[in-house]
Amino acid sequence: MSRVAASNPLALHRFRPCFRAAPRSSSLVATPPAVRFRPRNRGLRIVACGANPDPTESSTSEKLVLEPSSENDSTTDQSTSPSPNVGLPDLPNKSFNKQIAVVSALAAVGLFLSGRLDFGVSLKDLTVAALPYEEALANGKPTVVEFYADWCEVCRELAPDIYKVEQQYKDRVNFVMLNVDNTKWEQELDEFGVEGIPHFAFLDRKGNEEGNVVGKLPRQYLLENVDALARGEASIPHTRVVGQYSSAEARKVHQVADPRSHG
């Protein structure tokens, strides 16, 4: 038998596939321009691609780029970064506190003075300004008679209100103060039925009683009654009204040195 070559019975030539890349043509493919990424305030690895890479060199090159932080970048960061004090009101300074203290002090002084103008009026002041009882009955004007006592708390409390009404109507109405501790007025105490003080008796031009009120009442009551007397009304709007009062039985009777005194 003839020996057949087992290696290649068909006598086919062996060949290796060979693929060759077609050469790049600069005229057909447009290479994009180099792209560079610029880091901000830190070092980054940058991949730089050249337009016409040299085949003898590596297709890519790596660089470590360190750029110092620029003044513009720091300014931009400061402008864009939120401020911790944004939206919070400014705290008052020492000058502002001093202004508040001065204004508060002036307001306190004004309030104190206004209070003294009203509440500084005492029963003694009303007594000094009051008209003698006999003279009031003789001058042809309506009269308000107040029975009081120096120890009467309600009388002292109402003194500023009585003073205001008196200042408003003193030209048309008489205001008389009779101290229940004075034995001189025993007859008047019985005549007007005084059991509690302060006791206000409202007399017309002829000295006749139109009505009375007793104790602590709103100033408007007294004001409306006095106004009715000044206008010559036949009656007063508030009569036989009783408020908080001091009992006349607790009066401290004493002998008055001057019997002509109306106090």
C-alpha atoms as a PDB file:
ATOM      1  CA  MET A   1       0.000   0.000   0.000  1.00  0.00           C
ATOM      2  CA  SER A   2       1.149   3.376  -0.805  1.00  0.00           C
ATOM      3  CA  ARG A   3       1.457   5.545   2.200  1.00  0.00           C
ATOM      4  CA  VAL A   4      -0.784   8.536   2.083  1.00  0.00           C
ATOM      5  CA  ALA A   5       0.398  11.596   3.747  1.00  0.00           C
ATOM      6  CA  ALA A   6      -1.832  11.879   6.748  1.00  0.00           C
ATOM      7  CA  SER A   7      -0.940  15.430   7.416  1.00  0.00           C
ATOM      8  CA  ASN A   8      -2.597  16.921   4.384  1.00  0.00           C
ATOM      9  CA  PRO A   9      -4.210  14.400   2.092  1.00  0.00           C
ATOM     10  CA  LEU A  10      -5.710  17.102  -0.057  1.00  0.00           C
ATOM     11  CA  ALA A  11      -2.439  18.926  -0.298  1.00  0.00           C
ATOM     12  CA  LEU A  12      -4.149  22.051   0.914  1.00  0.00           C
ATOM     13  CA  HIS A  13      -1.901  24.773   2.040  1.00  0.00           C
ATOM     14  CA  ARG A  14      -2.397  25.885   5.528  1.00  0.00           C
ATOM     15  CA  PHE A  15      -2.794  29.633   6.021  1.00  0.00           C
ATOM     16  CA  ARG A  16      -3.299  31.905   8.910  1.00  0.00           C
ATOM     17  CA  PRO A  17      -5.921  34.567   8.779  1.00  0.00           C
ATOM     18  CA  CYS A  18      -4.394  37.951   8.680  1.00  0.00           C
ATOM     19  CA  PHE A  19      -6.401  41.079   9.148  1.00  0.00           C
ATOM     20  CA  ARG A  20      -4.812  44.351   8.593  1.00  0.00           C
ATOM     21  CA  ALA A  21      -6.463  47.534   9.684  1.00  0.00           C
ATOM     22  CA  ALA A  22      -6.980  49.952   6.943  1.00  0.00           C
ATOM     23  CA  PRO A  23      -4.838  52.986   7.315  1.00  0.00           C
ATOM     24  CA  ARG A  24      -6.560  56.010   8.765  1.00  0.00           C
ATOM     25  CA  SER A  25      -7.280  58.688   6.325  1.00  0.00           C
ATOM     26  CA  SER A  26      -7.278  62.157   7.747  1.00  0.00           C
ATOM     27  CA  SER A  27      -9.391  63.258   4.823  1.00  0.00           C
ATOM     28  CA  LEU A  28     -12.286  60.933   5.596  1.00  0.00           C
ATOM     29  CA  VAL A  29     -12.408  60.917   9.424  1.00  0.00           C
ATOM     30  CA  ALA A  30     -12.516  64.236  11.303  1.00  0.00           C
ATOM     31  CA  THR A  31     -10.764  63.957  14.619  1.00  0.00           C
ATOM     32  CA  PRO A  32     -12.546  65.896  17.307  1.00  0.00           C
ATOM     33  CA  PRO A  33     -10.574  68.599  19.064  1.00  0.00           C
ATOM     34  CA  ALA A  34      -8.904  67.859  22.305  1.00  0.00           C
ATOM     35  CA  VAL A  35     -11.234  67.861  25.325  1.00  0.00           C
ATOM     36  CA  ARG A  36      -9.811  69.095  28.595  1.00  0.00           C
ATOM     37  CA  PHE A  37     -11.468  68.959  31.972  1.00  0.00           C
ATOM     38  CA  ARG A  38     -10.226  71.616  34.364  1.00  0.00           C
ATOM     39  CA  PRO A  39     -10.392  70.696  38.022  1.00  0.00           C
ATOM     40  CA  ARG A  40     -11.399  73.159  40.710  1.00  0.00           C
ATOM     41  CA  ASN A  41      -9.262  73.400  43.804  1.00  0.00           C
ATOM     42  CA  ARG A  42      -8.107  69.793  43.594  1.00  0.00           C
ATOM     43  CA  GLY A  43      -5.874  67.576  41.441  1.00  0.00           C
ATOM     44  CA  LEU A  44      -7.580  65.325  38.907  1.00  0.00           C
ATOM     45  CA  ARG A  45      -6.272  62.926  36.360  1.00  0.00           C
ATOM     46  CA  ILE A  46      -6.886  64.339  32.892  1.00  0.00           C
ATOM     47  CA  VAL A  47      -7.074  62.306  29.712  1.00  0.00           C
ATOM     48  CA  ALA A  48      -5.860  64.435  26.780  1.00  0.00           C
ATOM     49  CA  CYS A  49      -6.464  63.240  23.244  1.00  0.00           C
ATOM     50  CA  GLY A  50      -4.447  64.780  20.464  1.00  0.00           C
ATOM     51  CA  ALA A  51      -5.855  65.576  17.050  1.00  0.00           C
ATOM     52  CA  ASN A  52      -3.115  63.586  15.216  1.00  0.00           C
ATOM     53  CA  PRO A  53      -1.754  60.988  17.593  1.00  0.00           C
ATOM     54  CA  ASP A  54       1.701  59.684  16.901  1.00  0.00           C
ATOM     55  CA  PRO A  55       1.648  55.889  16.461  1.00  0.00           C
ATOM     56  CA  THR A  56       5.021  55.632  18.099  1.00  0.00           C
ATOM     57  CA  GLU A  57       3.676  57.093  21.245  1.00  0.00           C
ATOM     58  CA  SER A  58       0.973  55.801  23.454  1.00  0.00           C
ATOM     59  CA  SER A  59      -2.517  56.654  22.251  1.00  0.00           C
ATOM     60  CA  THR A  60      -3.347  58.160  25.603  1.00  0.00           C
ATOM     61  CA  SER A  61      -1.319  60.116  28.057  1.00  0.00           C
ATOM     62  CA  GLU A  62      -2.136  60.799  31.636  1.00  0.00           C
ATOM     63  CA  LYS A  63      -1.320  63.988  33.473  1.00  0.00           C
ATOM     64  CA  LEU A  64      -1.759  65.039  37.053  1.00  0.00           C
ATOM     65  CA  VAL A  65      -2.752  68.679  36.969  1.00  0.00           C
ATOM     66  CA  LEU A  66      -2.607  70.762  40.094  1.00  0.00           C
ATOM     67  CA  GLU A  67      -3.982  74.249  39.882  1.00  0.00           C
ATOM     68  CA  PRO A  68      -3.932  76.666  42.805  1.00  0.00           C
ATOM     69  CA  SER A  69      -7.292  77.967  43.907  1.00  0.00           C
ATOM     70  CA  SER A  70      -7.924  81.268  42.275  1.00  0.00           C
ATOM     71  CA  GLU A  71      -9.318  84.342  43.976  1.00  0.00           C
ATOM     72  CA  ASN A  72     -12.362  84.343  41.700  1.00  0.00           C
ATOM     73  CA  ASP A  73     -13.239  80.759  42.643  1.00  0.00           C
ATOM     74  CA  SER A  74     -13.035  81.543  46.346  1.00  0.00           C
ATOM     75  CA  THR A  75     -15.202  84.618  45.837  1.00  0.00           C
ATOM     76  CA  THR A  76     -17.749  82.535  43.927  1.00  0.00           C
ATOM     77  CA  ASP A  77     -17.805  79.897  46.634  1.00  0.00           C
ATOM     78  CA  GLN A  78     -18.355  82.515  49.312  1.00  0.00           C
ATOM     79  CA  SER A  79     -21.162  84.155  47.366  1.00  0.00           C
ATOM     80  CA  THR A  80     -22.941  80.889  46.658  1.00  0.00           C
ATOM     81  CA  SER A  81     -22.434  79.306  50.065  1.00  0.00           C
ATOM     82  CA  PRO A  82     -25.344  80.036  52.428  1.00  0.00           C
ATOM     83  CA  SER A  83     -24.589  82.454  55.224  1.00  0.00           C
ATOM     84  CA  PRO A  84     -25.407  81.173  58.717  1.00  0.00           C
ATOM     85  CA  ASN A  85     -26.949  84.546  59.674  1.00  0.00           C
ATOM     86  CA  VAL A  86     -29.237  84.897  56.647  1.00  0.00           C
ATOM     87  CA  GLY A  87     -32.856  85.426  57.727  1.00  0.00           C
ATOM     88  CA  LEU A  88     -32.027  86.070  61.407  1.00  0.00           C
ATOM     89  CA  PRO A  89     -32.767  89.516  62.917  1.00  0.00           C
ATOM     90  CA  ASP A  90     -29.882  91.548  64.202  1.00  0.00           C
ATOM     91  CA  LEU A  91     -29.491  91.478  67.954  1.00  0.00           C
ATOM     92  CA  PRO A  92     -30.058  94.840  69.670  1.00  0.00           C
ATOM     93  CA  ASN A  93     -26.878  96.632  70.533  1.00  0.00           C
ATOM     94  CA  LYS A  94     -26.083  98.646  73.639  1.00  0.00           C
ATOM     95  CA  SER A  95     -27.166 101.930  72.075  1.00  0.00           C
ATOM     96  CA  PHE A  96     -30.582 100.523  71.222  1.00  0.00           C
ATOM     97  CA  ASN A  97     -30.984  99.189  74.770  1.00  0.00           C
ATOM     98  CA  LYS A  98     -30.143 102.597  76.195  1.00  0.00           C
ATOM     99  CA  GLN A  99     -32.798 104.237  74.016  1.00  0.00           C
ATOM    100  CA  ILE A 100     -35.396 101.759  75.235  1.00  0.00           C
ATOM    101  CA  ALA A 101     -34.393 102.422  78.843  1.00  0.00           C
ATOM    102  CA  VAL A 102     -34.713 106.198  78.398  1.00  0.00           C
ATOM    103  CA  VAL A 103     -38.139 105.920  76.764  1.00  0.00           C
ATOM    104  CA  SER A 104     -39.352 103.571  79.499  1.00  0.00           C
ATOM    105  CA  ALA A 105     -38.127 105.932  82.206  1.00  0.00           C
ATOM    106  CA  LEU A 106     -39.891 108.908  80.602  1.00  0.00           C
ATOM    107  CA  ALA A 107     -43.109 106.916  80.275  1.00  0.00           C
ATOM    108  CA  ALA A 108     -42.920 105.895  83.933  1.00  0.00           C
ATOM    109  CA  VAL A 109     -42.371 109.496  85.042  1.00  0.00           C
ATOM    110  CA  GLY A 110     -45.297 110.685  82.924  1.00  0.00           C
ATOM    111  CA  LEU A 111     -47.552 107.992  84.342  1.00  0.00           C
ATOM    112  CA  PHE A 112     -46.483 108.873  87.867  1.00  0.00           C
ATOM    113  CA  LEU A 113     -47.151 112.586  87.367  1.00  0.00           C
ATOM    114  CA  SER A 114     -50.537 111.962  85.779  1.00  0.00           C
ATOM    115  CA  GLY A 115     -51.414 109.723  88.697  1.00  0.00           C
ATOM    116  CA  ARG A 116     -50.384 112.394  91.147  1.00  0.00           C
ATOM    117  CA  LEU A 117     -52.577 114.942  89.400  1.00  0.00           C
ATOM    118  CA  ASP A 118     -55.635 112.725  89.882  1.00  0.00           C
ATOM    119  CA  PHE A 119     -54.962 110.760  93.040  1.00  0.00           C
ATOM    120  CA  GLY A 120     -53.059 113.521  94.822  1.00  0.00           C
ATOM    121  CA  VAL A 121     -56.358 115.234  95.674  1.00  0.00           C
ATOM    122  CA  SER A 122     -57.277 114.709  99.304  1.00  0.00           C
ATOM    123  CA  LEU A 123     -60.361 115.308 101.407  1.00  0.00           C
ATOM    124  CA  LYS A 124     -58.595 118.273 102.942  1.00  0.00           C
ATOM    125  CA  ASP A 125     -58.232 119.849  99.499  1.00  0.00           C
ATOM    126  CA  LEU A 126     -61.948 119.422  98.872  1.00  0.00           C
ATOM    127  CA  THR A 127     -62.769 120.887 102.278  1.00  0.00           C
ATOM    128  CA  VAL A 128     -60.671 123.982 101.663  1.00  0.00           C
ATOM    129  CA  ALA A 129     -62.305 124.571  98.262  1.00  0.00           C
ATOM    130  CA  ALA A 130     -65.836 123.872  99.548  1.00  0.00           C
ATOM    131  CA  LEU A 131     -68.384 126.618 100.118  1.00  0.00           C
ATOM    132  CA  PRO A 132     -69.841 127.202 103.602  1.00  0.00           C
ATOM    133  CA  TYR A 133     -73.235 125.557 104.017  1.00  0.00           C
ATOM    134  CA  GLU A 134     -75.133 128.735 104.973  1.00  0.00           C
ATOM    135  CA  GLU A 135     -73.679 130.659 102.048  1.00  0.00           C
ATOM    136  CA  ALA A 136     -74.578 127.888  99.614  1.00  0.00           C
ATOM    137  CA  LEU A 137     -78.238 127.972 100.717  1.00  0.00           C
ATOM    138  CA  ALA A 138     -78.389 131.738 100.241  1.00  0.00           C
ATOM    139  CA  ASN A 139     -76.802 132.331  96.806  1.00  0.00           C
ATOM    140  CA  GLY A 140     -79.649 130.842  94.717  1.00  0.00           C
ATOM    141  CA  LYS A 141     -77.600 128.061  93.099  1.00  0.00           C
ATOM    142  CA  PRO A 142     -78.239 124.322  93.314  1.00  0.00           C
ATOM    143  CA  THR A 143     -76.038 122.578  95.864  1.00  0.00           C
ATOM    144  CA  VAL A 144     -74.325 119.249  96.342  1.00  0.00           C
ATOM    145  CA  VAL A 145     -73.732 118.432 100.036  1.00  0.00           C
ATOM    146  CA  GLU A 146     -71.261 115.662 100.866  1.00  0.00           C
ATOM    147  CA  PHE A 147     -71.195 114.194 104.375  1.00  0.00           C
ATOM    148  CA  TYR A 148     -67.742 112.689 104.980  1.00  0.00           C
ATOM    149  CA  ALA A 149     -65.133 111.797 107.610  1.00  0.00           C
ATOM    150  CA  ASP A 150     -61.350 111.884 107.542  1.00  0.00           C
ATOM    151  CA  TRP A 151     -61.161 108.200 108.532  1.00  0.00           C
ATOM    152  CA  CYS A 152     -63.568 107.104 105.771  1.00  0.00           C
ATOM    153  CA  GLU A 153     -61.665 105.009 103.201  1.00  0.00           C
ATOM    154  CA  VAL A 154     -64.377 105.296 100.565  1.00  0.00           C
ATOM    155  CA  CYS A 155     -64.482 109.080 101.001  1.00  0.00           C
ATOM    156  CA  ARG A 156     -60.754 109.342 100.376  1.00  0.00           C
ATOM    157  CA  GLU A 157     -60.996 107.045  97.380  1.00  0.00           C
ATOM    158  CA  LEU A 158     -63.737 109.131  95.742  1.00  0.00           C
ATOM    159  CA  ALA A 159     -61.977 112.467  96.346  1.00  0.00           C
ATOM    160  CA  PRO A 160     -60.355 112.653  92.872  1.00  0.00           C
ATOM    161  CA  ASP A 161     -63.701 112.002  91.126  1.00  0.00           C
ATOM    162  CA  ILE A 162     -65.454 114.637  93.242  1.00  0.00           C
ATOM    163  CA  TYR A 163     -62.702 117.097  92.423  1.00  0.00           C
ATOM    164  CA  LYS A 164     -63.069 116.573  88.666  1.00  0.00           C
ATOM    165  CA  VAL A 165     -66.830 117.070  88.746  1.00  0.00           C
ATOM    166  CA  GLU A 166     -66.443 120.111  90.969  1.00  0.00           C
ATOM    167  CA  GLN A 167     -63.962 121.730  88.590  1.00  0.00           C
ATOM    168  CA  GLN A 168     -66.391 121.223  85.728  1.00  0.00           C
ATOM    169  CA  TYR A 169     -69.501 122.695  87.444  1.00  0.00           C
ATOM    170  CA  LYS A 170     -68.177 124.966  90.201  1.00  0.00           C
ATOM    171  CA  ASP A 171     -69.482 128.099  88.429  1.00  0.00           C
ATOM    172  CA  ARG A 172     -73.090 126.828  88.367  1.00  0.00           C
ATOM    173  CA  VAL A 173     -73.349 124.469  91.344  1.00  0.00           C
ATOM    174  CA  ASN A 174     -72.312 124.825  94.998  1.00  0.00           C
ATOM    175  CA  PHE A 175     -70.201 122.078  96.577  1.00  0.00           C
ATOM    176  CA  VAL A 176     -70.390 121.744 100.357  1.00  0.00           C
ATOM    177  CA  MET A 177     -68.405 119.397 102.633  1.00  0.00           C
ATOM    178  CA  LEU A 178     -69.845 118.515 106.083  1.00  0.00           C
ATOM    179  CA  ASN A 179     -67.740 116.439 108.474  1.00  0.00           C
ATOM    180  CA  VAL A 180     -69.894 113.962 110.385  1.00  0.00           C
ATOM    181  CA  ASP A 181     -67.421 114.099 113.308  1.00  0.00           C
ATOM    182  CA  ASN A 182     -68.395 117.732 113.871  1.00  0.00           C
ATOM    183  CA  THR A 183     -71.220 118.016 116.407  1.00  0.00           C
ATOM    184  CA  LYS A 184     -72.323 121.192 114.704  1.00  0.00           C
ATOM    185  CA  TRP A 185     -74.040 119.118 111.984  1.00  0.00           C
ATOM    186  CA  GLU A 186     -76.101 116.840 114.187  1.00  0.00           C
ATOM    187  CA  GLN A 187     -79.325 118.445 112.992  1.00  0.00           C
ATOM    188  CA  GLU A 188     -78.344 118.061 109.313  1.00  0.00           C
ATOM    189  CA  LEU A 189     -77.398 114.428 109.896  1.00  0.00           C
ATOM    190  CA  ASP A 190     -80.907 113.769 111.183  1.00  0.00           C
ATOM    191  CA  GLU A 191     -82.559 115.944 108.542  1.00  0.00           C
ATOM    192  CA  PHE A 192     -80.926 114.162 105.599  1.00  0.00           C
ATOM    193  CA  GLY A 193     -81.021 110.718 107.252  1.00  0.00           C
ATOM    194  CA  VAL A 194     -77.278 110.101 107.052  1.00  0.00           C
ATOM    195  CA  GLU A 195     -76.458 106.513 108.050  1.00  0.00           C
ATOM    196  CA  GLY A 196     -73.523 105.783 105.765  1.00  0.00           C
ATOM    197  CA  ILE A 197     -70.783 107.911 104.258  1.00  0.00           C
ATOM    198  CA  PRO A 198     -70.014 109.333 101.842  1.00  0.00           C
ATOM    199  CA  HIS A 199     -73.573 110.631 101.610  1.00  0.00           C
ATOM    200  CA  PHE A 200     -74.376 113.007  98.734  1.00  0.00           C
ATOM    201  CA  ALA A 201     -77.512 115.180  98.972  1.00  0.00           C
ATOM    202  CA  PHE A 202     -78.624 117.096  95.859  1.00  0.00           C
ATOM    203  CA  LEU A 203     -80.483 120.342  96.592  1.00  0.00           C
ATOM    204  CA  ASP A 204     -82.293 122.561  94.102  1.00  0.00           C
ATOM    205  CA  ARG A 205     -81.969 126.360  93.965  1.00  0.00           C
ATOM    206  CA  LYS A 206     -84.391 126.741  96.899  1.00  0.00           C
ATOM    207  CA  GLY A 207     -82.550 124.261  99.095  1.00  0.00           C
ATOM    208  CA  ASN A 208     -85.033 121.420  98.678  1.00  0.00           C
ATOM    209  CA  GLU A 209     -83.591 117.929  98.396  1.00  0.00           C
ATOM    210  CA  GLU A 210     -84.201 116.233  95.030  1.00  0.00           C
ATOM    211  CA  GLY A 211     -82.502 112.982  95.978  1.00  0.00           C
ATOM    212  CA  ASN A 212     -79.374 111.375  97.400  1.00  0.00           C
ATOM    213  CA  VAL A 213     -76.853 108.623  96.749  1.00  0.00           C
ATOM    214  CA  VAL A 214     -74.657 106.814  99.259  1.00  0.00           C
ATOM    215  CA  GLY A 215     -71.298 105.094  99.022  1.00  0.00           C
ATOM    216  CA  LYS A 216     -68.961 104.277  96.202  1.00  0.00           C
ATOM    217  CA  LEU A 217     -70.690 104.636  92.845  1.00  0.00           C
ATOM    218  CA  PRO A 218     -69.498 105.249  89.273  1.00  0.00           C
ATOM    219  CA  ARG A 219     -68.455 108.828  88.648  1.00  0.00           C
ATOM    220  CA  GLN A 220     -70.991 108.954  85.822  1.00  0.00           C
ATOM    221  CA  TYR A 221     -73.793 108.806  88.387  1.00  0.00           C
ATOM    222  CA  LEU A 222     -72.510 111.860  90.184  1.00  0.00           C
ATOM    223  CA  LEU A 223     -71.779 113.661  86.937  1.00  0.00           C
ATOM    224  CA  GLU A 224     -75.289 113.122  85.543  1.00  0.00           C
ATOM    225  CA  ASN A 225     -76.942 114.222  88.797  1.00  0.00           C
ATOM    226  CA  VAL A 226     -74.863 117.399  88.993  1.00  0.00           C
ATOM    227  CA  ASP A 227     -75.564 118.130  85.337  1.00  0.00           C
ATOM    228  CA  ALA A 228     -79.306 117.811  85.963  1.00  0.00           C
ATOM    229  CA  LEU A 229     -79.028 120.303  88.852  1.00  0.00           C
ATOM    230  CA  ALA A 230     -77.056 122.762  86.713  1.00  0.00           C
ATOM    231  CA  ARG A 231     -79.706 122.656  83.978  1.00  0.00           C
ATOM    232  CA  GLY A 232     -82.534 123.174  86.458  1.00  0.00           C
ATOM    233  CA  GLU A 233     -84.176 119.795  85.960  1.00  0.00           C
ATOM    234  CA  ALA A 234     -87.102 118.929  88.241  1.00  0.00           C
ATOM    235  CA  SER A 235     -85.454 115.629  89.248  1.00  0.00           C
ATOM    236  CA  ILE A 236     -82.123 113.880  89.069  1.00  0.00           C
ATOM    237  CA  PRO A 237     -81.581 110.632  87.110  1.00  0.00           C
ATOM    238  CA  HIS A 238     -79.991 108.682  89.984  1.00  0.00           C
ATOM    239  CA  THR A 239     -81.500 108.785  93.451  1.00  0.00           C
ATOM    240  CA  ARG A 240     -81.542 106.547  96.521  1.00  0.00           C
ATOM    241  CA  VAL A 241     -78.698 104.487  95.038  1.00  0.00           C
ATOM    242  CA  VAL A 242     -76.436 102.815  97.611  1.00  0.00           C
ATOM    243  CA  GLY A 243     -72.918 101.518  97.021  1.00  0.00           C
ATOM    244  CA  GLN A 244     -70.060 100.523  99.282  1.00  0.00           C
ATOM    245  CA  TYR A 245     -69.933 102.870 102.264  1.00  0.00           C
ATOM    246  CA  SER A 246     -68.653 103.372 105.792  1.00  0.00           C
ATOM    247  CA  SER A 247     -71.148 103.349 108.643  1.00  0.00           C
ATOM    248  CA  ALA A 248     -71.842 106.746 110.173  1.00  0.00           C
ATOM    249  CA  GLU A 249     -72.216 105.093 113.577  1.00  0.00           C
ATOM    250  CA  ALA A 250     -68.426 104.637 113.666  1.00  0.00           C
ATOM    251  CA  ARG A 251     -67.859 108.387 113.575  1.00  0.00           C
ATOM    252  CA  LYS A 252     -65.495 109.902 116.069  1.00  0.00           C
ATOM    253  CA  VAL A 253     -67.434 112.722 117.601  1.00  0.00           C
ATOM    254  CA  HIS A 254     -65.362 115.639 118.774  1.00  0.00           C
ATOM    255  CA  GLN A 255     -65.956 119.239 119.770  1.00  0.00           C
ATOM    256  CA  VAL A 256     -64.938 121.720 117.073  1.00  0.00           C
ATOM    257  CA  ALA A 257     -62.899 124.693 118.257  1.00  0.00           C
ATOM    258  CA  ASP A 258     -64.475 127.006 115.716  1.00  0.00           C
ATOM    259  CA  PRO A 259     -68.242 126.436 115.640  1.00  0.00           C
ATOM    260  CA  ARG A 260     -68.495 128.428 112.406  1.00  0.00           C
ATOM    261  CA  SER A 261     -66.380 125.861 110.597  1.00  0.00           C
ATOM    262  CA  HIS A 262     -68.205 123.973 107.869  1.00  0.00           C
ATOM    263  CA  GLY A 263     -65.766 121.064 108.082  1.00  0.00           C
END
